[in-house]
PDB file of N, CA and C in Angstrom:
ATOM      1  N   MET A   1     193.041  91.236 -71.375  1.00  0.00           N
ATOM      2  CA  MET A   1     193.870  92.325 -70.935  1.00  0.00           C
ATOM      3  C   MET A   1     194.556  91.916 -69.645  1.00  0.00           C
ATOM      4  N   LYS A   2     195.802  92.232 -69.533  1.00  0.00           N
ATOM      5  CA  LYS A   2     196.562  91.915 -68.330  1.00  0.00           C
ATOM      6  C   LYS A   2     196.503  93.091 -67.370  1.00  0.00           C
ATOM      7  N   THR A   3     196.472  92.757 -66.085  1.00  0.00           N
ATOM      8  CA  THR A   3     196.513  93.782 -65.049  1.00  0.00           C
ATOM      9  C   THR A   3     197.191  93.198 -63.825  1.00  0.00           C
ATOM     10  N   THR A   4     197.573  94.050 -62.929  1.00  0.00           N
ATOM     11  CA  THR A   4     198.200  93.608 -61.689  1.00  0.00           C
ATOM     12  C   THR A   4     197.331  94.064 -60.532  1.00  0.00           C
ATOM     13  N   ILE A   5     197.070  93.137 -59.607  1.00  0.00           N
ATOM     14  CA  ILE A   5     196.331  93.510 -58.407  1.00  0.00           C
ATOM     15  C   ILE A   5     197.119  93.042 -57.200  1.00  0.00           C
ATOM     16  N   GLU A   6     196.990  93.762 -56.102  1.00  0.00           N
ATOM     17  CA  GLU A   6     197.639  93.378 -54.856  1.00  0.00           C
ATOM     18  C   GLU A   6     196.601  92.765 -53.942  1.00  0.00           C
ATOM     19  N   LEU A   7     196.928  91.589 -53.419  1.00  0.00           N
ATOM     20  CA  LEU A   7     196.036  90.884 -52.509  1.00  0.00           C
ATOM     21  C   LEU A   7     196.770  90.599 -51.213  1.00  0.00           C
ATOM     22  N   PRO A   8     196.048  90.570 -50.101  1.00  0.00           N
ATOM     23  CA  PRO A   8     196.682  90.116 -48.864  1.00  0.00           C
ATOM     24  C   PRO A   8     197.169  88.675 -49.046  1.00  0.00           C
ATOM     25  N   ASP A   9     198.281  88.335 -48.422  1.00  0.00           N
ATOM     26  CA  ASP A   9     198.867  86.998 -48.583  1.00  0.00           C
ATOM     27  C   ASP A   9     197.879  85.887 -48.263  1.00  0.00           C
ATOM     28  N   ASP A  10     197.132  86.044 -47.164  1.00  0.00           N
ATOM     29  CA  ASP A  10     196.213  84.973 -46.772  1.00  0.00           C
ATOM     30  C   ASP A  10     195.101  84.779 -47.799  1.00  0.00           C
ATOM     31  N   LEU A  11     194.609  85.882 -48.381  1.00  0.00           N
ATOM     32  CA  LEU A  11     193.564  85.777 -49.409  1.00  0.00           C
ATOM     33  C   LEU A  11     194.113  85.110 -50.666  1.00  0.00           C
ATOM     34  N   PHE A  12     195.317  85.490 -51.058  1.00  0.00           N
ATOM     35  CA  PHE A  12     195.943  84.881 -52.236  1.00  0.00           C
ATOM     36  C   PHE A  12     196.108  83.375 -52.038  1.00  0.00           C
ATOM     37  N   LEU A  13     196.594  82.969 -50.847  1.00  0.00           N
ATOM     38  CA  LEU A  13     196.805  81.538 -50.591  1.00  0.00           C
ATOM     39  C   LEU A  13     195.482  80.773 -50.568  1.00  0.00           C
ATOM     40  N   GLN A  14     194.444  81.373 -49.986  1.00  0.00           N
ATOM     41  CA  GLN A  14     193.128  80.724 -49.990  1.00  0.00           C
ATOM     42  C   GLN A  14     192.601  80.567 -51.416  1.00  0.00           C
ATOM     43  N   ALA A  15     192.758  81.618 -52.213  1.00  0.00           N
ATOM     44  CA  ALA A  15     192.279  81.570 -53.599  1.00  0.00           C
ATOM     45  C   ALA A  15     193.058  80.528 -54.400  1.00  0.00           C
ATOM     46  N   LYS A  16     194.365  80.497 -54.216  1.00  0.00           N
ATOM     47  CA  LYS A  16     195.204  79.530 -54.943  1.00  0.00           C
ATOM     48  C   LYS A  16     194.810  78.101 -54.547  1.00  0.00           C
ATOM     49  N   ARG A  17     194.582  77.880 -53.261  1.00  0.00           N
ATOM     50  CA  ARG A  17     194.185  76.552 -52.773  1.00  0.00           C
ATOM     51  C   ARG A  17     192.827  76.160 -53.360  1.00  0.00           C
ATOM     52  N   LYS A  18     191.889  77.109 -53.389  1.00  0.00           N
ATOM     53  CA  LYS A  18     190.550  76.841 -53.935  1.00  0.00           C
ATOM     54  C   LYS A  18     190.635  76.503 -55.427  1.00  0.00           C
ATOM     55  N   ALA A  19     191.476  77.218 -56.145  1.00  0.00           N
ATOM     56  CA  ALA A  19     191.650  76.935 -57.574  1.00  0.00           C
ATOM     57  C   ALA A  19     192.208  75.528 -57.772  1.00  0.00           C
ATOM     58  N   LEU A  20     193.169  75.135 -56.941  1.00  0.00           N
ATOM     59  CA  LEU A  20     193.737  73.785 -57.053  1.00  0.00           C
ATOM     60  C   LEU A  20     192.683  72.722 -56.738  1.00  0.00           C
ATOM     61  N   GLU A  21     191.887  72.968 -55.694  1.00  0.00           N
ATOM     62  CA  GLU A  21     190.842  72.005 -55.327  1.00  0.00           C
ATOM     63  C   GLU A  21     189.824  71.835 -56.460  1.00  0.00           C
ATOM     64  N   ASN A  22     189.546  72.933 -57.154  1.00  0.00           N
ATOM     65  CA  ASN A  22     188.574  72.891 -58.253  1.00  0.00           C
ATOM     66  C   ASN A  22     189.213  72.552 -59.588  1.00  0.00           C
ATOM     67  N   ARG A  23     190.499  72.267 -59.575  1.00  0.00           N
ATOM     68  CA  ARG A  23     191.245  71.944 -60.801  1.00  0.00           C
ATOM     69  C   ARG A  23     191.044  73.003 -61.875  1.00  0.00           C
ATOM     70  N   THR A  24     191.247  74.237 -61.458  1.00  0.00           N
ATOM     71  CA  THR A  24     191.137  75.353 -62.379  1.00  0.00           C
ATOM     72  C   THR A  24     192.303  76.296 -62.115  1.00  0.00           C
ATOM     73  N   THR A  25     192.339  77.395 -62.818  1.00  0.00           N
ATOM     74  CA  THR A  25     193.425  78.351 -62.635  1.00  0.00           C
ATOM     75  C   THR A  25     192.962  79.483 -61.725  1.00  0.00           C
ATOM     76  N   LEU A  26     193.923  80.158 -61.144  1.00  0.00           N
ATOM     77  CA  LEU A  26     193.616  81.322 -60.331  1.00  0.00           C
ATOM     78  C   LEU A  26     192.921  82.375 -61.193  1.00  0.00           C
ATOM     79  N   ARG A  27     193.387  82.512 -62.419  1.00  0.00           N
ATOM     80  CA  ARG A  27     192.768  83.479 -63.338  1.00  0.00           C
ATOM     81  C   ARG A  27     191.282  83.188 -63.517  1.00  0.00           C
ATOM     82  N   HIS A  28     190.941  81.915 -63.749  1.00  0.00           N
ATOM     83  CA  HIS A  28     189.547  81.532 -63.958  1.00  0.00           C
ATOM     84  C   HIS A  28     188.729  81.779 -62.691  1.00  0.00           C
ATOM     85  N   LEU A  29     189.291  81.455 -61.531  1.00  0.00           N
ATOM     86  CA  LEU A  29     188.595  81.668 -60.271  1.00  0.00           C
ATOM     87  C   LEU A  29     188.295  83.151 -60.043  1.00  0.00           C
ATOM     88  N   VAL A  30     189.299  84.009 -60.274  1.00  0.00           N
ATOM     89  CA  VAL A  30     189.124  85.447 -60.094  1.00  0.00           C
ATOM     90  C   VAL A  30     188.120  85.993 -61.114  1.00  0.00           C
ATOM     91  N   GLU A  31     188.204  85.520 -62.345  1.00  0.00           N
ATOM     92  CA  GLU A  31     187.273  85.980 -63.382  1.00  0.00           C
ATOM     93  C   GLU A  31     185.829  85.634 -63.021  1.00  0.00           C
ATOM     94  N   ARG A  32     185.600  84.393 -62.565  1.00  0.00           N
ATOM     95  CA  ARG A  32     184.251  83.980 -62.159  1.00  0.00           C
ATOM     96  C   ARG A  32     183.737  84.820 -61.002  1.00  0.00           C
ATOM     97  N   ALA A  33     184.594  85.043 -60.012  1.00  0.00           N
ATOM     98  CA  ALA A  33     184.186  85.818 -58.838  1.00  0.00           C
ATOM     99  C   ALA A  33     183.867  87.260 -59.222  1.00  0.00           C
ATOM    100  N   LEU A  34     184.651  87.838 -60.095  1.00  0.00           N
ATOM    101  CA  LEU A  34     184.425  89.213 -60.526  1.00  0.00           C
ATOM    102  C   LEU A  34     183.131  89.326 -61.332  1.00  0.00           C
ATOM    103  N   ARG A  35     182.900  88.369 -62.245  1.00  0.00           N
ATOM    104  CA  ARG A  35     181.648  88.392 -63.024  1.00  0.00           C
ATOM    105  C   ARG A  35     180.431  88.249 -62.102  1.00  0.00           C
ATOM    106  N   GLN A  36     180.551  87.364 -61.120  1.00  0.00           N
ATOM    107  CA  GLN A  36     179.456  87.162 -60.173  1.00  0.00           C
ATOM    108  C   GLN A  36     179.200  88.444 -59.378  1.00  0.00           C
ATOM    109  N   GLU A  37     180.249  89.091 -58.927  1.00  0.00           N
ATOM    110  CA  GLU A  37     180.104  90.333 -58.173  1.00  0.00           C
ATOM    111  C   GLU A  37     179.461  91.416 -59.023  1.00  0.00           C
ATOM    112  N   LEU A  38     179.853  91.525 -60.278  1.00  0.00           N
ATOM    113  CA  LEU A  38     179.291  92.549 -61.157  1.00  0.00           C
ATOM    114  C   LEU A  38     177.830  92.274 -61.510  1.00  0.00           C
ATOM    115  N   ARG A  39     177.459  90.983 -61.572  1.00  0.00           N
ATOM    116  CA  ARG A  39     176.063  90.612 -61.824  1.00  0.00           C
ATOM    117  C   ARG A  39     175.206  90.900 -60.601  1.00  0.00           C
ATOM    118  N   GLY A  40     175.831  90.843 -59.432  1.00  0.00           N
ATOM    119  CA  GLY A  40     175.095  91.050 -58.192  1.00  0.00           C
ATOM    120  C   GLY A  40     174.250  89.861 -57.810  1.00  0.00           C
ATOM    121  N   GLY A  41     174.546  88.717 -58.397  1.00  0.00           N
ATOM    122  CA  GLY A  41     173.743  87.533 -58.127  1.00  0.00           C
ATOM    123  C   GLY A  41     174.457  86.540 -57.238  1.00  0.00           C
ATOM    124  N   LYS A  42     173.765  85.452 -57.043  1.00  0.00           N
ATOM    125  CA  LYS A  42     174.325  84.356 -56.257  1.00  0.00           C
ATOM    126  C   LYS A  42     175.274  83.554 -57.144  1.00  0.00           C
ATOM    127  N   PRO A  43     176.169  82.794 -56.526  1.00  0.00           N
ATOM    128  CA  PRO A  43     177.068  81.972 -57.345  1.00  0.00           C
ATOM    129  C   PRO A  43     176.288  80.942 -58.149  1.00  0.00           C
ATOM    130  N   ALA A  44     176.740  80.726 -59.358  1.00  0.00           N
ATOM    131  CA  ALA A  44     176.094  79.729 -60.223  1.00  0.00           C
ATOM    132  C   ALA A  44     176.343  78.338 -59.654  1.00  0.00           C
ATOM    133  N   ALA A  45     175.320  77.510 -59.742  1.00  0.00           N
ATOM    134  CA  ALA A  45     175.467  76.141 -59.261  1.00  0.00           C
ATOM    135  C   ALA A  45     176.480  75.415 -60.135  1.00  0.00           C
ATOM    136  N   ARG A  46     177.391  74.730 -59.473  1.00  0.00           N
ATOM    137  CA  ARG A  46     178.410  73.999 -60.226  1.00  0.00           C
ATOM    138  C   ARG A  46     177.838  72.690 -60.715  1.00  0.00           C
ATOM    139  N   ARG A  47     178.095  72.426 -61.977  1.00  0.00           N
ATOM    140  CA  ARG A  47     177.693  71.139 -62.539  1.00  0.00           C
ATOM    141  C   ARG A  47     178.693  70.090 -62.081  1.00  0.00           C
ATOM    142  N   PRO A  48     178.206  68.908 -61.776  1.00  0.00           N
ATOM    143  CA  PRO A  48     179.157  67.850 -61.445  1.00  0.00           C
ATOM    144  C   PRO A  48     180.002  67.507 -62.673  1.00  0.00           C
ATOM    145  N   ARG A  49     181.241  67.190 -62.438  1.00  0.00           N
ATOM    146  CA  ARG A  49     182.118  66.826 -63.550  1.00  0.00           C
ATOM    147  C   ARG A  49     181.695  65.487 -64.126  1.00  0.00           C
ATOM    148  N   ARG A  50     181.716  65.406 -65.435  1.00  0.00           N
ATOM    149  CA  ARG A  50     181.385  64.150 -66.093  1.00  0.00           C
ATOM    150  C   ARG A  50     182.623  63.269 -66.142  1.00  0.00           C
ATOM    151  N   ILE A  51     182.419  62.019 -65.874  1.00  0.00           N
ATOM    152  CA  ILE A  51     183.515  61.051 -65.952  1.00  0.00           C
ATOM    153  C   ILE A  51     183.494  60.437 -67.336  1.00  0.00           C
ATOM    154  N   ARG A  52     184.632  60.493 -68.000  1.00  0.00           N
ATOM    155  CA  ARG A  52     184.732  59.884 -69.325  1.00  0.00           C
ATOM    156  C   ARG A  52     185.336  58.499 -69.151  1.00  0.00           C
ATOM    157  N   TRP A  53     184.507  57.504 -69.293  1.00  0.00           N
ATOM    158  CA  TRP A  53     184.967  56.129 -69.120  1.00  0.00           C
ATOM    159  C   TRP A  53     185.684  55.666 -70.375  1.00  0.00           C
ATOM    160  N   ILE A  54     186.776  54.990 -70.172  1.00  0.00           N
ATOM    161  CA  ILE A  54     187.512  54.399 -71.292  1.00  0.00           C
ATOM    162  C   ILE A  54     187.369  52.896 -71.165  1.00  0.00           C
ATOM    163  N   MET A  55     186.776  52.305 -72.144  1.00  0.00           N
ATOM    164  CA  MET A  55     186.512  50.866 -72.110  1.00  0.00           C
ATOM    165  C   MET A  55     187.459  50.149 -73.060  1.00  0.00           C
ATOM    166  N   SER A  56     187.807  48.953 -72.683  1.00  0.00           N
ATOM    167  CA  SER A  56     188.625  48.141 -73.571  1.00  0.00           C
ATOM    168  C   SER A  56     188.015  46.745 -73.632  1.00  0.00           C
ATOM    169  N   PRO A  57     188.178  46.082 -74.740  1.00  0.00           N
ATOM    170  CA  PRO A  57     187.592  44.754 -74.868  1.00  0.00           C
ATOM    171  C   PRO A  57     188.337  43.736 -74.008  1.00  0.00           C
ATOM    172  N   GLY A  58     187.655  42.679 -73.671  1.00  0.00           N
ATOM    173  CA  GLY A  58     188.335  41.585 -72.987  1.00  0.00           C
ATOM    174  C   GLY A  58     187.754  41.260 -71.629  1.00  0.00           C
ATOM    175  N   GLY A  59     187.311  42.229 -70.879  1.00  0.00           N
ATOM    176  CA  GLY A  59     186.741  41.960 -69.560  1.00  0.00           C
ATOM    177  C   GLY A  59     187.803  41.544 -68.555  1.00  0.00           C
ATOM    178  N   LEU A  60     187.346  40.894 -67.484  1.00  0.00           N
ATOM    179  CA  LEU A  60     188.243  40.476 -66.404  1.00  0.00           C
ATOM    180  C   LEU A  60     189.004  39.219 -66.793  1.00  0.00           C
ATOM    181  N   PRO A  61     190.195  39.079 -66.237  1.00  0.00           N
ATOM    182  CA  PRO A  61     190.921  37.823 -66.470  1.00  0.00           C
ATOM    183  C   PRO A  61     190.143  36.660 -65.850  1.00  0.00           C
ATOM    184  N   PRO A  62     190.205  35.503 -66.457  1.00  0.00           N
ATOM    185  CA  PRO A  62     189.467  34.348 -65.929  1.00  0.00           C
ATOM    186  C   PRO A  62     189.924  34.023 -64.510  1.00  0.00           C
ATOM    187  N   GLY A  63     188.959  33.834 -63.626  1.00  0.00           N
ATOM    188  CA  GLY A  63     189.275  33.424 -62.265  1.00  0.00           C
ATOM    189  C   GLY A  63     189.626  34.547 -61.309  1.00  0.00           C
ATOM    190  N   LEU A  64     189.730  35.787 -61.764  1.00  0.00           N
ATOM    191  CA  LEU A  64     190.071  36.890 -60.876  1.00  0.00           C
ATOM    192  C   LEU A  64     188.832  37.333 -60.123  1.00  0.00           C
ATOM    193  N   ASP A  65     188.897  37.287 -58.792  1.00  0.00           N
ATOM    194  CA  ASP A  65     187.773  37.661 -57.940  1.00  0.00           C
ATOM    195  C   ASP A  65     188.009  39.074 -57.420  1.00  0.00           C
ATOM    196  N   LEU A  66     187.197  40.035 -57.885  1.00  0.00           N
ATOM    197  CA  LEU A  66     187.381  41.427 -57.497  1.00  0.00           C
ATOM    198  C   LEU A  66     187.021  41.692 -56.045  1.00  0.00           C
ATOM    199  N   SER A  67     186.322  40.781 -55.407  1.00  0.00           N
ATOM    200  CA  SER A  67     185.970  40.975 -54.003  1.00  0.00           C
ATOM    201  C   SER A  67     187.113  40.561 -53.081  1.00  0.00           C
ATOM    202  N   ASP A  68     188.149  39.931 -53.615  1.00  0.00           N
ATOM    203  CA  ASP A  68     189.300  39.489 -52.825  1.00  0.00           C
ATOM    204  C   ASP A  68     190.488  40.410 -53.111  1.00  0.00           C
ATOM    205  N   ARG A  69     190.720  41.369 -52.205  1.00  0.00           N
ATOM    206  CA  ARG A  69     191.788  42.346 -52.428  1.00  0.00           C
ATOM    207  C   ARG A  69     193.168  41.705 -52.522  1.00  0.00           C
ATOM    208  N   THR A  70     193.398  40.721 -51.696  1.00  0.00           N
ATOM    209  CA  THR A  70     194.706  40.061 -51.717  1.00  0.00           C
ATOM    210  C   THR A  70     194.970  39.456 -53.085  1.00  0.00           C
ATOM    211  N   GLU A  71     193.973  38.790 -53.632  1.00  0.00           N
ATOM    212  CA  GLU A  71     194.123  38.182 -54.954  1.00  0.00           C
ATOM    213  C   GLU A  71     194.345  39.246 -56.031  1.00  0.00           C
ATOM    214  N   MET A  72     193.615  40.368 -55.911  1.00  0.00           N
ATOM    215  CA  MET A  72     193.801  41.445 -56.894  1.00  0.00           C
ATOM    216  C   MET A  72     195.227  41.995 -56.833  1.00  0.00           C
ATOM    217  N   TRP A  73     195.747  42.241 -55.604  1.00  0.00           N
ATOM    218  CA  TRP A  73     197.117  42.763 -55.472  1.00  0.00           C
ATOM    219  C   TRP A  73     198.137  41.779 -56.027  1.00  0.00           C
ATOM    220  N   GLU A  74     197.926  40.499 -55.749  1.00  0.00           N
ATOM    221  CA  GLU A  74     198.847  39.482 -56.283  1.00  0.00           C
ATOM    222  C   GLU A  74     198.821  39.505 -57.811  1.00  0.00           C
ATOM    223  N   TRP A  75     197.619  39.637 -58.384  1.00  0.00           N
ATOM    224  CA  TRP A  75     197.499  39.676 -59.840  1.00  0.00           C
ATOM    225  C   TRP A  75     198.195  40.910 -60.406  1.00  0.00           C
ATOM    226  N   LEU A  76     198.009  42.070 -59.746  1.00  0.00           N
ATOM    227  CA  LEU A  76     198.654  43.303 -60.210  1.00  0.00           C
ATOM    228  C   LEU A  76     200.176  43.208 -60.108  1.00  0.00           C
ATOM    229  N   GLU A  77     200.671  42.642 -59.005  1.00  0.00           N
ATOM    230  CA  GLU A  77     202.117  42.484 -58.861  1.00  0.00           C
ATOM    231  C   GLU A  77     202.677  41.564 -59.935  1.00  0.00           C
ATOM    232  N   LEU A  78     201.959  40.483 -60.226  1.00  0.00           N
ATOM    233  CA  LEU A  78     202.388  39.574 -61.290  1.00  0.00           C
ATOM    234  C   LEU A  78     202.415  40.310 -62.623  1.00  0.00           C
ATOM    235  N   LEU A  79     201.397  41.124 -62.879  1.00  0.00           N
ATOM    236  CA  LEU A  79     201.324  41.879 -64.128  1.00  0.00           C
ATOM    237  C   LEU A  79     202.471  42.881 -64.232  1.00  0.00           C
ATOM    238  N   LEU A  80     202.842  43.492 -63.105  1.00  0.00           N
ATOM    239  CA  LEU A  80     203.968  44.437 -63.120  1.00  0.00           C
ATOM    240  C   LEU A  80     205.292  43.732 -63.382  1.00  0.00           C
ATOM    241  N   ARG A  81     205.439  42.527 -62.828  1.00  0.00           N
ATOM    242  CA  ARG A  81     206.681  41.760 -63.061  1.00  0.00           C
ATOM    243  C   ARG A  81     206.745  41.229 -64.486  1.00  0.00           C
ATOM    244  N   ASP A  82     205.593  40.770 -64.993  1.00  0.00           N
ATOM    245  CA  ASP A  82     205.540  40.175 -66.332  1.00  0.00           C
ATOM    246  C   ASP A  82     204.354  40.760 -67.072  1.00  0.00           C
ATOM    247  N   PRO A  83     204.534  41.927 -67.739  1.00  0.00           N
ATOM    248  CA  PRO A  83     203.410  42.601 -68.396  1.00  0.00           C
ATOM    249  C   PRO A  83     202.707  41.763 -69.462  1.00  0.00           C
ATOM    250  N   LEU A  84     203.376  40.759 -70.007  1.00  0.00           N
ATOM    251  CA  LEU A  84     202.737  39.943 -71.043  1.00  0.00           C
ATOM    252  C   LEU A  84     201.828  38.882 -70.442  1.00  0.00           C
ATOM    253  N   SER A  85     201.931  38.681 -69.132  1.00  0.00           N
ATOM    254  CA  SER A  85     201.085  37.702 -68.460  1.00  0.00           C
ATOM    255  C   SER A  85     199.679  38.304 -68.321  1.00  0.00           C
ATOM    256  N   ARG A  86     198.687  37.640 -68.839  1.00  0.00           N
ATOM    257  CA  ARG A  86     197.314  38.154 -68.784  1.00  0.00           C
ATOM    258  C   ARG A  86     196.375  37.221 -68.004  1.00  0.00           C
ATOM    259  N   THR A  87     196.929  36.287 -67.294  1.00  0.00           N
ATOM    260  CA  THR A  87     196.071  35.382 -66.524  1.00  0.00           C
ATOM    261  C   THR A  87     196.246  35.651 -65.053  1.00  0.00           C
ATOM    262  N   SER A  88     195.274  35.256 -64.271  1.00  0.00           N
ATOM    263  CA  SER A  88     195.382  35.448 -62.816  1.00  0.00           C
ATOM    264  C   SER A  88     196.276  34.366 -62.239  1.00  0.00           C
ATOM    265  N   PRO A  89     196.896  34.623 -61.066  1.00  0.00           N
ATOM    266  CA  PRO A  89     197.796  33.642 -60.452  1.00  0.00           C
ATOM    267  C   PRO A  89     197.082  32.391 -60.014  1.00  0.00           C
TER     268      PRO A  89
END
């Protein structure tokens, strides 16, 4: 159901910022807060977000040292210039 509510500007901006930080919508944030208030309980503990790893075959290019940032940047720049190049400089 749709409804309209009036909020003070500062509260609206804080809520909007909090929703962005939590990567959710203002609607979801308000709904959670309202349900929590009606339950009369404490806020539910947030579960940590799960990271979905995407793996691809092949591993690291031969000779690329991940502990050397300069070498990694050079390799990335080479890859950007020539995407078909799959070897380290």
